[in-house]
Every structure is written in structure tokens, then in C-alpha cells.
Amino acid sequence: MFGRKKPTVSTERIAAVSKPRQSVRPRQHRAKRAASWAECQLIWPPNGGVFGVVMDISETGARVRFKYRQATPPIVTLVCPKLKLRRAVEVVRQDGTDVGLRFI
């Protein structure tokens, strides 16, 4: 088991390992985001809601930051009077105090 025989590795095996990795799925380009600083509120039934700030927004969604870590349901309503926005959104990412939202 621990003899003095040197290990041999074939050139095919080295070539297979050293090939550049191919992506499992193609990268999707996200929509251009505009920086924003607008107070907003996420609302969910029956009486849930939390205040936050829209950090950036695009055609497809927004990123909202809260003062504290918040647990939100998967579907909520985003209300932002400054941006004249009231839309149903899907929570796609929660990272600490930031929440990524996709417009429905």
C-alpha cells in the first residue's frame, strides 16, 4: 500500500482535467439598473408590512434594503410613492438586510 512505486498518470487523464470548464447554464444578462434612494413599503395580507428603501430598480425588479433583517412571504406588494410604484413582486433573494424583488 505504501510502497516505493511512483504513481503514473496518463496524458489523457491530465488533458481531461485541464480542459476549461463549460458553464452548466448560459449566463443571463440582467436588465440595466438605475440607482435610487426612495422610501418604500412591502405589504402582504392580512396586515403585514415593513418599511425600507429602494436601492436600485430596473424594468424587471428592484433591490430593497431594510434597517433590520426581515422575513417576508414569497409574494408581496411593493409601494413606493416617490417612484409612483405599486406592484406585486416576488421575493427572489434575501441576503441579510437586502431583498431582491422581481416584478410580476
PDB file of N, CA and C in Angstrom:
ATOM      1  N   MET A   1       0.815  -1.187   0.000  1.00  0.00           N
ATOM      2  CA  MET A   1       0.000   0.000   0.000  1.00  0.00           C
ATOM      3  C   MET A   1       0.865   1.260   0.000  1.00  0.00           C
ATOM      4  N   PHE A   2       1.871   1.315   0.805  1.00  0.00           N
ATOM      5  CA  PHE A   2       2.729   2.477   0.884  1.00  0.00           C
ATOM      6  C   PHE A   2       4.103   2.166   0.311  1.00  0.00           C
ATOM      7  N   GLY A   3       4.112   1.424  -0.769  1.00  0.00           N
ATOM      8  CA  GLY A   3       5.376   1.033  -1.380  1.00  0.00           C
ATOM      9  C   GLY A   3       6.102   2.199  -2.017  1.00  0.00           C
ATOM     10  N   ARG A   4       7.196   1.897  -2.686  1.00  0.00           N
ATOM     11  CA  ARG A   4       8.023   2.928  -3.305  1.00  0.00           C
ATOM     12  C   ARG A   4       7.688   3.145  -4.770  1.00  0.00           C
ATOM     13  N   LYS A   5       6.647   2.533  -5.247  1.00  0.00           N
ATOM     14  CA  LYS A   5       6.272   2.657  -6.657  1.00  0.00           C
ATOM     15  C   LYS A   5       5.725   4.055  -6.934  1.00  0.00           C
ATOM     16  N   LYS A   6       6.240   4.710  -7.967  1.00  0.00           N
ATOM     17  CA  LYS A   6       5.784   6.040  -8.324  1.00  0.00           C
ATOM     18  C   LYS A   6       4.441   5.933  -9.053  1.00  0.00           C
ATOM     19  N   PRO A   7       3.521   6.836  -8.748  1.00  0.00           N
ATOM     20  CA  PRO A   7       2.238   6.792  -9.444  1.00  0.00           C
ATOM     21  C   PRO A   7       2.391   7.238 -10.892  1.00  0.00           C
ATOM     22  N   THR A   8       1.612   6.633 -11.757  1.00  0.00           N
ATOM     23  CA  THR A   8       1.634   7.020 -13.171  1.00  0.00           C
ATOM     24  C   THR A   8       0.275   7.601 -13.524  1.00  0.00           C
ATOM     25  N   VAL A   9       0.318   8.701 -14.240  1.00  0.00           N
ATOM     26  CA  VAL A   9      -0.908   9.362 -14.664  1.00  0.00           C
ATOM     27  C   VAL A   9      -0.848   9.481 -16.183  1.00  0.00           C
ATOM     28  N   SER A  10      -1.904   9.037 -16.844  1.00  0.00           N
ATOM     29  CA  SER A  10      -1.910   9.078 -18.308  1.00  0.00           C
ATOM     30  C   SER A  10      -2.115  10.511 -18.800  1.00  0.00           C
ATOM     31  N   THR A  11      -1.617  10.780 -19.996  1.00  0.00           N
ATOM     32  CA  THR A  11      -1.772  12.113 -20.585  1.00  0.00           C
ATOM     33  C   THR A  11      -3.230  12.414 -20.891  1.00  0.00           C
ATOM     34  N   GLU A  12      -4.048  11.396 -21.187  1.00  0.00           N
ATOM     35  CA  GLU A  12      -5.478  11.617 -21.439  1.00  0.00           C
ATOM     36  C   GLU A  12      -6.174  12.132 -20.178  1.00  0.00           C
ATOM     37  N   ARG A  13      -5.789  11.560 -19.044  1.00  0.00           N
ATOM     38  CA  ARG A  13      -6.406  11.988 -17.795  1.00  0.00           C
ATOM     39  C   ARG A  13      -6.007  13.423 -17.451  1.00  0.00           C
ATOM     40  N   ILE A  14      -4.776  13.784 -17.684  1.00  0.00           N
ATOM     41  CA  ILE A  14      -4.320  15.155 -17.446  1.00  0.00           C
ATOM     42  C   ILE A  14      -5.044  16.121 -18.375  1.00  0.00           C
ATOM     43  N   ALA A  15      -5.209  15.750 -19.639  1.00  0.00           N
ATOM     44  CA  ALA A  15      -5.903  16.607 -20.600  1.00  0.00           C
ATOM     45  C   ALA A  15      -7.364  16.786 -20.212  1.00  0.00           C
ATOM     46  N   ALA A  16      -7.999  15.717 -19.731  1.00  0.00           N
ATOM     47  CA  ALA A  16      -9.410  15.807 -19.341  1.00  0.00           C
ATOM     48  C   ALA A  16      -9.597  16.750 -18.160  1.00  0.00           C
ATOM     49  N   VAL A  17      -8.679  16.751 -17.228  1.00  0.00           N
ATOM     50  CA  VAL A  17      -8.799  17.601 -16.046  1.00  0.00           C
ATOM     51  C   VAL A  17      -8.456  19.041 -16.371  1.00  0.00           C
ATOM     52  N   SER A  18      -7.533  19.279 -17.266  1.00  0.00           N
ATOM     53  CA  SER A  18      -7.073  20.636 -17.543  1.00  0.00           C
ATOM     54  C   SER A  18      -7.912  21.366 -18.584  1.00  0.00           C
ATOM     55  N   LYS A  19      -8.974  20.759 -19.118  1.00  0.00           N
ATOM     56  CA  LYS A  19      -9.849  21.458 -20.067  1.00  0.00           C
ATOM     57  C   LYS A  19     -10.586  22.577 -19.348  1.00  0.00           C
ATOM     58  N   PRO A  20     -10.828  23.679 -20.056  1.00  0.00           N
ATOM     59  CA  PRO A  20     -11.607  24.747 -19.425  1.00  0.00           C
ATOM     60  C   PRO A  20     -13.023  24.265 -19.157  1.00  0.00           C
ATOM     61  N   ARG A  21     -13.549  24.650 -17.999  1.00  0.00           N
ATOM     62  CA  ARG A  21     -14.890  24.221 -17.622  1.00  0.00           C
ATOM     63  C   ARG A  21     -15.933  24.947 -18.447  1.00  0.00           C
ATOM     64  N   GLN A  22     -16.941  24.224 -18.833  1.00  0.00           N
ATOM     65  CA  GLN A  22     -18.059  24.824 -19.541  1.00  0.00           C
ATOM     66  C   GLN A  22     -19.147  25.121 -18.540  1.00  0.00           C
ATOM     67  N   SER A  23     -19.805  26.233 -18.732  1.00  0.00           N
ATOM     68  CA  SER A  23     -20.868  26.628 -17.831  1.00  0.00           C
ATOM     69  C   SER A  23     -22.043  25.664 -17.961  1.00  0.00           C
ATOM     70  N   VAL A  24     -22.651  25.351 -16.848  1.00  0.00           N
ATOM     71  CA  VAL A  24     -23.801  24.457 -16.848  1.00  0.00           C
ATOM     72  C   VAL A  24     -24.985  25.124 -17.524  1.00  0.00           C
ATOM     73  N   ARG A  25     -25.164  26.402 -17.277  1.00  0.00           N
ATOM     74  CA  ARG A  25     -26.237  27.148 -17.939  1.00  0.00           C
ATOM     75  C   ARG A  25     -25.662  28.448 -18.471  1.00  0.00           C
ATOM     76  N   PRO A  26     -26.199  28.933 -19.556  1.00  0.00           N
ATOM     77  CA  PRO A  26     -25.670  30.184 -20.100  1.00  0.00           C
ATOM     78  C   PRO A  26     -25.971  31.353 -19.165  1.00  0.00           C
ATOM     79  N   ARG A  27     -25.064  32.290 -19.112  1.00  0.00           N
ATOM     80  CA  ARG A  27     -25.262  33.458 -18.254  1.00  0.00           C
ATOM     81  C   ARG A  27     -26.351  34.336 -18.825  1.00  0.00           C
ATOM     82  N   GLN A  28     -27.226  34.774 -17.957  1.00  0.00           N
ATOM     83  CA  GLN A  28     -28.295  35.670 -18.368  1.00  0.00           C
ATOM     84  C   GLN A  28     -27.862  37.092 -18.065  1.00  0.00           C
ATOM     85  N   HIS A  29     -28.080  37.960 -19.025  1.00  0.00           N
ATOM     86  CA  HIS A  29     -27.766  39.363 -18.802  1.00  0.00           C
ATOM     87  C   HIS A  29     -28.930  39.998 -18.064  1.00  0.00           C
ATOM     88  N   ARG A  30     -28.628  40.666 -16.973  1.00  0.00           N
ATOM     89  CA  ARG A  30     -29.711  41.298 -16.246  1.00  0.00           C
ATOM     90  C   ARG A  30     -29.969  42.689 -16.805  1.00  0.00           C
ATOM     91  N   ALA A  31     -31.160  43.157 -16.549  1.00  0.00           N
ATOM     92  CA  ALA A  31     -31.575  44.464 -17.055  1.00  0.00           C
ATOM     93  C   ALA A  31     -30.743  45.561 -16.387  1.00  0.00           C
ATOM     94  N   LYS A  32     -30.574  46.663 -17.086  1.00  0.00           N
ATOM     95  CA  LYS A  32     -29.841  47.807 -16.540  1.00  0.00           C
ATOM     96  C   LYS A  32     -30.582  48.329 -15.319  1.00  0.00           C
ATOM     97  N   ARG A  33     -29.824  48.569 -14.253  1.00  0.00           N
ATOM     98  CA  ARG A  33     -30.424  49.048 -13.018  1.00  0.00           C
ATOM     99  C   ARG A  33     -30.069  50.505 -12.792  1.00  0.00           C
ATOM    100  N   ALA A  34     -31.041  51.269 -12.337  1.00  0.00           N
ATOM    101  CA  ALA A  34     -30.826  52.675 -12.023  1.00  0.00           C
ATOM    102  C   ALA A  34     -30.746  52.817 -10.510  1.00  0.00           C
ATOM    103  N   ALA A  35     -29.715  53.510 -10.035  1.00  0.00           N
ATOM    104  CA  ALA A  35     -29.578  53.734  -8.603  1.00  0.00           C
ATOM    105  C   ALA A  35     -30.719  54.622  -8.129  1.00  0.00           C
ATOM    106  N   SER A  36     -31.200  54.326  -6.953  1.00  0.00           N
ATOM    107  CA  SER A  36     -32.334  55.070  -6.411  1.00  0.00           C
ATOM    108  C   SER A  36     -32.193  55.128  -4.902  1.00  0.00           C
ATOM    109  N   TRP A  37     -32.852  56.056  -4.288  1.00  0.00           N
ATOM    110  CA  TRP A  37     -32.931  56.116  -2.839  1.00  0.00           C
ATOM    111  C   TRP A  37     -34.324  56.629  -2.519  1.00  0.00           C
ATOM    112  N   ALA A  38     -35.275  55.706  -2.519  1.00  0.00           N
ATOM    113  CA  ALA A  38     -36.668  56.077  -2.316  1.00  0.00           C
ATOM    114  C   ALA A  38     -37.272  55.211  -1.225  1.00  0.00           C
ATOM    115  N   GLU A  39     -37.941  55.850  -0.285  1.00  0.00           N
ATOM    116  CA  GLU A  39     -38.598  55.111   0.778  1.00  0.00           C
ATOM    117  C   GLU A  39     -39.746  54.303   0.192  1.00  0.00           C
ATOM    118  N   CYS A  40     -39.930  53.103   0.720  1.00  0.00           N
ATOM    119  CA  CYS A  40     -40.979  52.232   0.202  1.00  0.00           C
ATOM    120  C   CYS A  40     -41.542  51.386   1.328  1.00  0.00           C
ATOM    121  N   GLN A  41     -42.540  50.600   0.981  1.00  0.00           N
ATOM    122  CA  GLN A  41     -43.137  49.681   1.937  1.00  0.00           C
ATOM    123  C   GLN A  41     -43.482  48.393   1.220  1.00  0.00           C
ATOM    124  N   LEU A  42     -43.189  47.268   1.844  1.00  0.00           N
ATOM    125  CA  LEU A  42     -43.649  45.974   1.366  1.00  0.00           C
ATOM    126  C   LEU A  42     -44.868  45.608   2.193  1.00  0.00           C
ATOM    127  N   ILE A  43     -45.949  45.226   1.510  1.00  0.00           N
ATOM    128  CA  ILE A  43     -47.209  44.910   2.178  1.00  0.00           C
ATOM    129  C   ILE A  43     -47.617  43.502   1.800  1.00  0.00           C
ATOM    130  N   TRP A  44     -48.123  42.737   2.777  1.00  0.00           N
ATOM    131  CA  TRP A  44     -48.673  41.420   2.498  1.00  0.00           C
ATOM    132  C   TRP A  44     -49.901  41.204   3.381  1.00  0.00           C
ATOM    133  N   PRO A  45     -50.846  40.382   2.912  1.00  0.00           N
ATOM    134  CA  PRO A  45     -52.080  40.162   3.671  1.00  0.00           C
ATOM    135  C   PRO A  45     -51.823  39.273   4.877  1.00  0.00           C
ATOM    136  N   PRO A  46     -52.593  39.354   5.923  1.00  0.00           N
ATOM    137  CA  PRO A  46     -53.731  40.239   6.090  1.00  0.00           C
ATOM    138  C   PRO A  46     -53.301  41.632   6.558  1.00  0.00           C
ATOM    139  N   ASN A  47     -52.351  41.755   7.468  1.00  0.00           N
ATOM    140  CA  ASN A  47     -51.956  43.079   7.963  1.00  0.00           C
ATOM    141  C   ASN A  47     -50.443  43.237   8.041  1.00  0.00           C
ATOM    142  N   GLY A  48     -49.701  42.490   7.257  1.00  0.00           N
ATOM    143  CA  GLY A  48     -48.250  42.539   7.333  1.00  0.00           C
ATOM    144  C   GLY A  48     -47.681  43.674   6.515  1.00  0.00           C
ATOM    145  N   GLY A  49     -46.534  44.144   6.925  1.00  0.00           N
ATOM    146  CA  GLY A  49     -45.865  45.187   6.175  1.00  0.00           C
ATOM    147  C   GLY A  49     -44.586  45.616   6.859  1.00  0.00           C
ATOM    148  N   VAL A  50     -43.685  46.180   6.072  1.00  0.00           N
ATOM    149  CA  VAL A  50     -42.414  46.646   6.605  1.00  0.00           C
ATOM    150  C   VAL A  50     -41.908  47.788   5.715  1.00  0.00           C
ATOM    151  N   PHE A  51     -41.266  48.779   6.328  1.00  0.00           N
ATOM    152  CA  PHE A  51     -40.724  49.909   5.590  1.00  0.00           C
ATOM    153  C   PHE A  51     -39.271  49.648   5.224  1.00  0.00           C
ATOM    154  N   GLY A  52     -38.862  50.160   4.074  1.00  0.00           N
ATOM    155  CA  GLY A  52     -37.491  50.003   3.603  1.00  0.00           C
ATOM    156  C   GLY A  52     -37.135  51.097   2.615  1.00  0.00           C
ATOM    157  N   VAL A  53     -36.029  50.904   1.923  1.00  0.00           N
ATOM    158  CA  VAL A  53     -35.539  51.860   0.934  1.00  0.00           C
ATOM    159  C   VAL A  53     -35.213  51.114  -0.349  1.00  0.00           C
ATOM    160  N   VAL A  54     -35.719  51.619  -1.489  1.00  0.00           N
ATOM    161  CA  VAL A  54     -35.375  51.051  -2.793  1.00  0.00           C
ATOM    162  C   VAL A  54     -33.967  51.518  -3.130  1.00  0.00           C
ATOM    163  N   MET A  55     -33.036  50.568  -3.236  1.00  0.00           N
ATOM    164  CA  MET A  55     -31.642  50.900  -3.524  1.00  0.00           C
ATOM    165  C   MET A  55     -31.400  51.063  -5.015  1.00  0.00           C
ATOM    166  N   ASP A  56     -31.940  50.150  -5.809  1.00  0.00           N
ATOM    167  CA  ASP A  56     -31.875  50.275  -7.257  1.00  0.00           C
ATOM    168  C   ASP A  56     -33.080  49.583  -7.865  1.00  0.00           C
ATOM    169  N   ILE A  57     -33.382  49.962  -9.106  1.00  0.00           N
ATOM    170  CA  ILE A  57     -34.588  49.475  -9.763  1.00  0.00           C
ATOM    171  C   ILE A  57     -34.312  49.304 -11.249  1.00  0.00           C
ATOM    172  N   SER A  58     -34.985  48.331 -11.868  1.00  0.00           N
ATOM    173  CA  SER A  58     -34.869  48.097 -13.308  1.00  0.00           C
ATOM    174  C   SER A  58     -36.253  47.766 -13.840  1.00  0.00           C
ATOM    175  N   GLU A  59     -36.320  47.401 -15.110  1.00  0.00           N
ATOM    176  CA  GLU A  59     -37.595  47.014 -15.718  1.00  0.00           C
ATOM    177  C   GLU A  59     -38.146  45.740 -15.092  1.00  0.00           C
ATOM    178  N   THR A  60     -37.270  44.862 -14.636  1.00  0.00           N
ATOM    179  CA  THR A  60     -37.693  43.546 -14.175  1.00  0.00           C
ATOM    180  C   THR A  60     -37.793  43.407 -12.666  1.00  0.00           C
ATOM    181  N   GLY A  61     -37.207  44.329 -11.898  1.00  0.00           N
ATOM    182  CA  GLY A  61     -37.261  44.175 -10.456  1.00  0.00           C
ATOM    183  C   GLY A  61     -36.567  45.297  -9.711  1.00  0.00           C
ATOM    184  N   ALA A  62     -36.378  45.071  -8.414  1.00  0.00           N
ATOM    185  CA  ALA A  62     -35.783  46.092  -7.561  1.00  0.00           C
ATOM    186  C   ALA A  62     -35.036  45.419  -6.423  1.00  0.00           C
ATOM    187  N   ARG A  63     -34.165  46.209  -5.789  1.00  0.00           N
ATOM    188  CA  ARG A  63     -33.467  45.759  -4.589  1.00  0.00           C
ATOM    189  C   ARG A  63     -33.858  46.702  -3.463  1.00  0.00           C
ATOM    190  N   VAL A  64     -34.365  46.134  -2.380  1.00  0.00           N
ATOM    191  CA  VAL A  64     -34.835  46.918  -1.241  1.00  0.00           C
ATOM    192  C   VAL A  64     -33.979  46.582  -0.023  1.00  0.00           C
ATOM    193  N   ARG A  65     -33.631  47.614   0.741  1.00  0.00           N
ATOM    194  CA  ARG A  65     -32.826  47.432   1.949  1.00  0.00           C
ATOM    195  C   ARG A  65     -33.660  47.836   3.165  1.00  0.00           C
ATOM    196  N   PHE A  66     -33.571  46.997   4.200  1.00  0.00           N
ATOM    197  CA  PHE A  66     -34.277  47.258   5.449  1.00  0.00           C
ATOM    198  C   PHE A  66     -33.284  47.606   6.538  1.00  0.00           C
ATOM    199  N   LYS A  67     -33.789  48.214   7.605  1.00  0.00           N
ATOM    200  CA  LYS A  67     -32.934  48.553   8.730  1.00  0.00           C
ATOM    201  C   LYS A  67     -32.500  47.289   9.464  1.00  0.00           C
ATOM    202  N   TYR A  68     -33.415  46.328   9.567  1.00  0.00           N
ATOM    203  CA  TYR A  68     -33.136  45.064  10.238  1.00  0.00           C
ATOM    204  C   TYR A  68     -33.453  43.916   9.295  1.00  0.00           C
ATOM    205  N   ARG A  69     -32.959  42.753   9.609  1.00  0.00           N
ATOM    206  CA  ARG A  69     -33.263  41.545   8.829  1.00  0.00           C
ATOM    207  C   ARG A  69     -34.765  41.268   8.931  1.00  0.00           C
ATOM    208  N   GLN A  70     -35.400  41.040   7.794  1.00  0.00           N
ATOM    209  CA  GLN A  70     -36.839  40.835   7.744  1.00  0.00           C
ATOM    210  C   GLN A  70     -37.165  39.503   7.088  1.00  0.00           C
ATOM    211  N   ALA A  71     -38.152  38.808   7.624  1.00  0.00           N
ATOM    212  CA  ALA A  71     -38.677  37.617   6.976  1.00  0.00           C
ATOM    213  C   ALA A  71     -39.930  38.038   6.224  1.00  0.00           C
ATOM    214  N   THR A  72     -39.952  37.779   4.929  1.00  0.00           N
ATOM    215  CA  THR A  72     -41.097  38.183   4.116  1.00  0.00           C
ATOM    216  C   THR A  72     -41.664  36.979   3.393  1.00  0.00           C
ATOM    217  N   PRO A  73     -42.962  37.010   3.094  1.00  0.00           N
ATOM    218  CA  PRO A  73     -43.552  35.925   2.309  1.00  0.00           C
ATOM    219  C   PRO A  73     -43.041  35.977   0.869  1.00  0.00           C
ATOM    220  N   PRO A  74     -43.259  34.928   0.082  1.00  0.00           N
ATOM    221  CA  PRO A  74     -42.727  34.896  -1.284  1.00  0.00           C
ATOM    222  C   PRO A  74     -43.365  35.905  -2.243  1.00  0.00           C
ATOM    223  N   ILE A  75     -44.622  36.274  -2.017  1.00  0.00           N
ATOM    224  CA  ILE A  75     -45.303  37.256  -2.878  1.00  0.00           C
ATOM    225  C   ILE A  75     -45.779  38.402  -1.997  1.00  0.00           C
ATOM    226  N   VAL A  76     -45.381  39.638  -2.352  1.00  0.00           N
ATOM    227  CA  VAL A  76     -45.760  40.830  -1.594  1.00  0.00           C
ATOM    228  C   VAL A  76     -46.097  41.946  -2.575  1.00  0.00           C
ATOM    229  N   THR A  77     -46.558  43.077  -2.040  1.00  0.00           N
ATOM    230  CA  THR A  77     -46.821  44.262  -2.851  1.00  0.00           C
ATOM    231  C   THR A  77     -45.812  45.330  -2.478  1.00  0.00           C
ATOM    232  N   LEU A  78     -45.160  45.910  -3.475  1.00  0.00           N
ATOM    233  CA  LEU A  78     -44.192  46.980  -3.270  1.00  0.00           C
ATOM    234  C   LEU A  78     -44.897  48.304  -3.529  1.00  0.00           C
ATOM    235  N   VAL A  79     -44.861  49.210  -2.536  1.00  0.00           N
ATOM    236  CA  VAL A  79     -45.476  50.527  -2.655  1.00  0.00           C
ATOM    237  C   VAL A  79     -44.390  51.568  -2.450  1.00  0.00           C
ATOM    238  N   CYS A  80     -44.201  52.426  -3.474  1.00  0.00           N
ATOM    239  CA  CYS A  80     -43.189  53.481  -3.400  1.00  0.00           C
ATOM    240  C   CYS A  80     -43.765  54.757  -4.013  1.00  0.00           C
ATOM    241  N   PRO A  81     -44.271  55.678  -3.170  1.00  0.00           N
ATOM    242  CA  PRO A  81     -44.891  56.892  -3.695  1.00  0.00           C
ATOM    243  C   PRO A  81     -43.938  57.774  -4.501  1.00  0.00           C
ATOM    244  N   LYS A  82     -42.683  57.877  -4.093  1.00  0.00           N
ATOM    245  CA  LYS A  82     -41.716  58.740  -4.792  1.00  0.00           C
ATOM    246  C   LYS A  82     -41.518  58.289  -6.239  1.00  0.00           C
ATOM    247  N   LEU A  83     -41.499  56.965  -6.464  1.00  0.00           N
ATOM    248  CA  LEU A  83     -41.325  56.414  -7.808  1.00  0.00           C
ATOM    249  C   LEU A  83     -42.664  56.135  -8.494  1.00  0.00           C
ATOM    250  N   LYS A  84     -43.768  56.486  -7.828  1.00  0.00           N
ATOM    251  CA  LYS A  84     -45.122  56.243  -8.350  1.00  0.00           C
ATOM    252  C   LYS A  84     -45.276  54.768  -8.720  1.00  0.00           C
ATOM    253  N   LEU A  85     -45.012  53.926  -7.747  1.00  0.00           N
ATOM    254  CA  LEU A  85     -44.954  52.493  -7.984  1.00  0.00           C
ATOM    255  C   LEU A  85     -45.808  51.755  -6.970  1.00  0.00           C
ATOM    256  N   ARG A  86     -46.656  50.889  -7.461  1.00  0.00           N
ATOM    257  CA  ARG A  86     -47.436  49.968  -6.626  1.00  0.00           C
ATOM    258  C   ARG A  86     -47.606  48.704  -7.448  1.00  0.00           C
ATOM    259  N   ARG A  87     -46.778  47.686  -7.151  1.00  0.00           N
ATOM    260  CA  ARG A  87     -46.773  46.467  -7.961  1.00  0.00           C
ATOM    261  C   ARG A  87     -46.629  45.239  -7.090  1.00  0.00           C
ATOM    262  N   ALA A  88     -47.186  44.144  -7.586  1.00  0.00           N
ATOM    263  CA  ALA A  88     -46.974  42.850  -6.955  1.00  0.00           C
ATOM    264  C   ALA A  88     -45.583  42.373  -7.344  1.00  0.00           C
ATOM    265  N   VAL A  89     -44.870  41.829  -6.367  1.00  0.00           N
ATOM    266  CA  VAL A  89     -43.499  41.381  -6.610  1.00  0.00           C
ATOM    267  C   VAL A  89     -43.278  40.016  -5.975  1.00  0.00           C
ATOM    268  N   GLU A  90     -42.285  39.324  -6.505  1.00  0.00           N
ATOM    269  CA  GLU A  90     -41.875  38.032  -5.978  1.00  0.00           C
ATOM    270  C   GLU A  90     -40.506  38.202  -5.334  1.00  0.00           C
ATOM    271  N   VAL A  91     -40.354  37.696  -4.137  1.00  0.00           N
ATOM    272  CA  VAL A  91     -39.068  37.754  -3.444  1.00  0.00           C
ATOM    273  C   VAL A  91     -38.189  36.647  -4.019  1.00  0.00           C
ATOM    274  N   VAL A  92     -37.096  37.033  -4.687  1.00  0.00           N
ATOM    275  CA  VAL A  92     -36.218  36.047  -5.312  1.00  0.00           C
ATOM    276  C   VAL A  92     -34.910  35.851  -4.541  1.00  0.00           C
ATOM    277  N   ARG A  93     -34.572  36.804  -3.672  1.00  0.00           N
ATOM    278  CA  ARG A  93     -33.320  36.688  -2.922  1.00  0.00           C
ATOM    279  C   ARG A  93     -33.441  37.476  -1.630  1.00  0.00           C
ATOM    280  N   GLN A  94     -33.007  36.875  -0.541  1.00  0.00           N
ATOM    281  CA  GLN A  94     -32.915  37.569   0.741  1.00  0.00           C
ATOM    282  C   GLN A  94     -31.506  37.375   1.255  1.00  0.00           C
ATOM    283  N   ASP A  95     -30.799  38.484   1.414  1.00  0.00           N
ATOM    284  CA  ASP A  95     -29.397  38.431   1.830  1.00  0.00           C
ATOM    285  C   ASP A  95     -29.197  39.449   2.948  1.00  0.00           C
ATOM    286  N   GLY A  96     -29.284  39.015   4.179  1.00  0.00           N
ATOM    287  CA  GLY A  96     -29.135  39.942   5.298  1.00  0.00           C
ATOM    288  C   GLY A  96     -30.272  40.945   5.303  1.00  0.00           C
ATOM    289  N   THR A  97     -29.928  42.214   5.155  1.00  0.00           N
ATOM    290  CA  THR A  97     -30.953  43.257   5.164  1.00  0.00           C
ATOM    291  C   THR A  97     -31.429  43.629   3.770  1.00  0.00           C
ATOM    292  N   ASP A  98     -30.870  43.054   2.725  1.00  0.00           N
ATOM    293  CA  ASP A  98     -31.285  43.322   1.348  1.00  0.00           C
ATOM    294  C   ASP A  98     -32.234  42.241   0.832  1.00  0.00           C
ATOM    295  N   VAL A  99     -33.188  42.664   0.033  1.00  0.00           N
ATOM    296  CA  VAL A  99     -34.142  41.743  -0.578  1.00  0.00           C
ATOM    297  C   VAL A  99     -34.192  42.045  -2.059  1.00  0.00           C
ATOM    298  N   GLY A 100     -34.043  41.009  -2.891  1.00  0.00           N
ATOM    299  CA  GLY A 100     -34.176  41.146  -4.333  1.00  0.00           C
ATOM    300  C   GLY A 100     -35.595  40.798  -4.746  1.00  0.00           C
ATOM    301  N   LEU A 101     -36.229  41.680  -5.514  1.00  0.00           N
ATOM    302  CA  LEU A 101     -37.616  41.520  -5.912  1.00  0.00           C
ATOM    303  C   LEU A 101     -37.750  41.457  -7.428  1.00  0.00           C
ATOM    304  N   ARG A 102     -38.635  40.603  -7.914  1.00  0.00           N
ATOM    305  CA  ARG A 102     -38.946  40.514  -9.345  1.00  0.00           C
ATOM    306  C   ARG A 102     -40.391  40.939  -9.531  1.00  0.00           C
ATOM    307  N   PHE A 103     -40.618  41.870 -10.467  1.00  0.00           N
ATOM    308  CA  PHE A 103     -41.974  42.328 -10.728  1.00  0.00           C
ATOM    309  C   PHE A 103     -42.788  41.217 -11.385  1.00  0.00           C
ATOM    310  N   ILE A 104     -44.050  41.093 -10.953  1.00  0.00           N
ATOM    311  CA  ILE A 104     -44.940  40.081 -11.521  1.00  0.00           C
ATOM    312  C   ILE A 104     -45.848  40.756 -12.527  1.00  0.00           C
TER     313      ILE A 104
END
